[in-house]
Amino acid sequence: MDVPGLLPAPSATATTIARGRHAADAVVLLACIDDAGDAWRGLRQQSCRGVCALVQVLSEQRAPWANRDRVVQALARASLAELVTRVGN
């Protein structure tokens, strides 16, 4: 399930994701995922590194969540929670 442009580039780091709109856009994308576990299993190893960096940033920062409504935040947090369990494995 690697979709070009949907997830951070494989070379993405927490620093590059934290800049600009990447993290804020990721909140919206996470809200659109029906099954984060299934999405994680479909990733190549390179993409997993980018997702790991994204999970780190979204877990630590409040700013990416600030301008999203409650429904988007709730859906995205559910997907993020699933990814956190996957990243830890």
C-alpha atoms as a PDB file:
ATOM      1  CA  MET A   1       0.000   0.000   0.000  1.00  0.00           C
ATOM      2  CA  ASP A   2       2.785   2.439  -0.820  1.00  0.00           C
ATOM      3  CA  VAL A   3       1.153   5.451  -2.395  1.00  0.00           C
ATOM      4  CA  PRO A   4       3.675   8.048  -3.590  1.00  0.00           C
ATOM      5  CA  GLY A   5       3.199  11.324  -1.780  1.00  0.00           C
ATOM      6  CA  LEU A   6       0.768   9.896   0.769  1.00  0.00           C
ATOM      7  CA  LEU A   7       3.350   9.201   3.447  1.00  0.00           C
ATOM      8  CA  PRO A   8       6.630  10.914   4.251  1.00  0.00           C
ATOM      9  CA  ALA A   9       9.584  10.116   2.030  1.00  0.00           C
ATOM     10  CA  PRO A  10      11.670   7.182   3.254  1.00  0.00           C
ATOM     11  CA  SER A  11      14.469   9.600   4.089  1.00  0.00           C
ATOM     12  CA  ALA A  12      12.153  11.693   6.250  1.00  0.00           C
ATOM     13  CA  THR A  13      13.255  12.360   9.782  1.00  0.00           C
ATOM     14  CA  ALA A  14      11.361  13.750  12.732  1.00  0.00           C
ATOM     15  CA  THR A  15      13.013  17.111  12.062  1.00  0.00           C
ATOM     16  CA  THR A  16      11.918  17.352   8.433  1.00  0.00           C
ATOM     17  CA  ILE A  17       8.407  16.144   9.221  1.00  0.00           C
ATOM     18  CA  ALA A  18       8.039  18.689  12.004  1.00  0.00           C
ATOM     19  CA  ARG A  19       8.723  21.529   9.567  1.00  0.00           C
ATOM     20  CA  GLY A  20       6.074  22.926   7.277  1.00  0.00           C
ATOM     21  CA  ARG A  21       2.724  21.267   6.861  1.00  0.00           C
ATOM     22  CA  HIS A  22       3.800  17.616   6.788  1.00  0.00           C
ATOM     23  CA  ALA A  23       2.684  16.848  10.329  1.00  0.00           C
ATOM     24  CA  ALA A  24      -0.583  18.801  10.050  1.00  0.00           C
ATOM     25  CA  ASP A  25      -1.405  17.099   6.754  1.00  0.00           C
ATOM     26  CA  ALA A  26      -0.586  13.736   8.296  1.00  0.00           C
ATOM     27  CA  VAL A  27      -3.281  14.268  10.927  1.00  0.00           C
ATOM     28  CA  VAL A  28      -5.884  14.488   8.160  1.00  0.00           C
ATOM     29  CA  LEU A  29      -4.441  11.465   6.360  1.00  0.00           C
ATOM     30  CA  LEU A  30      -4.480   9.414   9.569  1.00  0.00           C
ATOM     31  CA  ALA A  31      -8.146  10.309  10.026  1.00  0.00           C
ATOM     32  CA  CYS A  32      -8.868   8.749   6.625  1.00  0.00           C
ATOM     33  CA  ILE A  33      -7.290   5.375   7.407  1.00  0.00           C
ATOM     34  CA  ASP A  34      -9.816   2.643   8.182  1.00  0.00           C
ATOM     35  CA  ASP A  35      -7.274   0.123   9.486  1.00  0.00           C
ATOM     36  CA  ALA A  36      -3.864   1.508  10.430  1.00  0.00           C
ATOM     37  CA  GLY A  37      -2.592  -1.975  11.230  1.00  0.00           C
ATOM     38  CA  ASP A  38      -3.406  -3.159   7.731  1.00  0.00           C
ATOM     39  CA  ALA A  39      -1.788  -0.055   6.239  1.00  0.00           C
ATOM     40  CA  TRP A  40       1.343  -0.683   8.327  1.00  0.00           C
ATOM     41  CA  ARG A  41       1.607  -4.295   7.179  1.00  0.00           C
ATOM     42  CA  GLY A  42       1.451  -3.156   3.559  1.00  0.00           C
ATOM     43  CA  LEU A  43       4.434  -0.816   3.805  1.00  0.00           C
ATOM     44  CA  ARG A  44       7.936  -1.461   2.573  1.00  0.00           C
ATOM     45  CA  GLN A  45      10.721  -1.189   5.164  1.00  0.00           C
ATOM     46  CA  GLN A  46      11.867   2.186   3.806  1.00  0.00           C
ATOM     47  CA  SER A  47       8.395   3.663   4.224  1.00  0.00           C
ATOM     48  CA  CYS A  48       8.161   2.268   7.748  1.00  0.00           C
ATOM     49  CA  ARG A  49      11.064   4.502   8.797  1.00  0.00           C
ATOM     50  CA  GLY A  50       9.177   7.578   7.599  1.00  0.00           C
ATOM     51  CA  VAL A  51       6.041   6.466   9.418  1.00  0.00           C
ATOM     52  CA  CYS A  52       8.073   5.894  12.602  1.00  0.00           C
ATOM     53  CA  ALA A  53       9.366   9.469  12.403  1.00  0.00           C
ATOM     54  CA  LEU A  54       5.829  10.723  11.799  1.00  0.00           C
ATOM     55  CA  VAL A  55       4.473   8.796  14.791  1.00  0.00           C
ATOM     56  CA  GLN A  56       7.189  10.321  16.958  1.00  0.00           C
ATOM     57  CA  VAL A  57       6.375  13.873  15.863  1.00  0.00           C
ATOM     58  CA  LEU A  58       2.601  13.492  16.199  1.00  0.00           C
ATOM     59  CA  SER A  59       2.987  11.894  19.617  1.00  0.00           C
ATOM     60  CA  GLU A  60       5.129  14.745  20.911  1.00  0.00           C
ATOM     61  CA  GLN A  61       3.681  17.882  19.317  1.00  0.00           C
ATOM     62  CA  ARG A  62       0.390  19.678  19.760  1.00  0.00           C
ATOM     63  CA  ALA A  63       0.631  22.121  16.848  1.00  0.00           C
ATOM     64  CA  PRO A  64      -0.273  19.631  14.072  1.00  0.00           C
ATOM     65  CA  TRP A  65      -3.538  18.877  15.857  1.00  0.00           C
ATOM     66  CA  ALA A  66      -4.492  22.479  16.658  1.00  0.00           C
ATOM     67  CA  ASN A  67      -6.524  23.416  13.586  1.00  0.00           C
ATOM     68  CA  ARG A  68      -8.377  20.143  13.175  1.00  0.00           C
ATOM     69  CA  ASP A  69     -11.937  19.617  14.377  1.00  0.00           C
ATOM     70  CA  ARG A  70     -12.758  17.095  17.081  1.00  0.00           C
ATOM     71  CA  VAL A  71     -13.944  14.403  14.693  1.00  0.00           C
ATOM     72  CA  VAL A  72     -10.759  14.530  12.614  1.00  0.00           C
ATOM     73  CA  GLN A  73      -8.660  14.555  15.773  1.00  0.00           C
ATOM     74  CA  ALA A  74     -10.491  11.546  17.229  1.00  0.00           C
ATOM     75  CA  LEU A  75     -10.177   9.496  14.039  1.00  0.00           C
ATOM     76  CA  ALA A  76      -6.517  10.430  13.604  1.00  0.00           C
ATOM     77  CA  ARG A  77      -5.680   9.659  17.238  1.00  0.00           C
ATOM     78  CA  ALA A  78      -7.240   6.211  16.882  1.00  0.00           C
ATOM     79  CA  SER A  79      -5.060   5.482  13.843  1.00  0.00           C
ATOM     80  CA  LEU A  80      -2.023   6.959  15.590  1.00  0.00           C
ATOM     81  CA  ALA A  81      -2.608   4.735  18.615  1.00  0.00           C
ATOM     82  CA  GLU A  82      -2.685   1.680  16.344  1.00  0.00           C
ATOM     83  CA  LEU A  83       0.526   2.771  14.624  1.00  0.00           C
ATOM     84  CA  VAL A  84       2.219   3.333  17.982  1.00  0.00           C
ATOM     85  CA  THR A  85       1.587  -0.331  18.834  1.00  0.00           C
ATOM     86  CA  ARG A  86       2.949  -1.394  15.429  1.00  0.00           C
ATOM     87  CA  VAL A  87       6.044   0.799  15.632  1.00  0.00           C
ATOM     88  CA  GLY A  88       6.869  -0.715  18.997  1.00  0.00           C
ATOM     89  CA  ASN A  89       6.865  -4.253  17.534  1.00  0.00           C
END
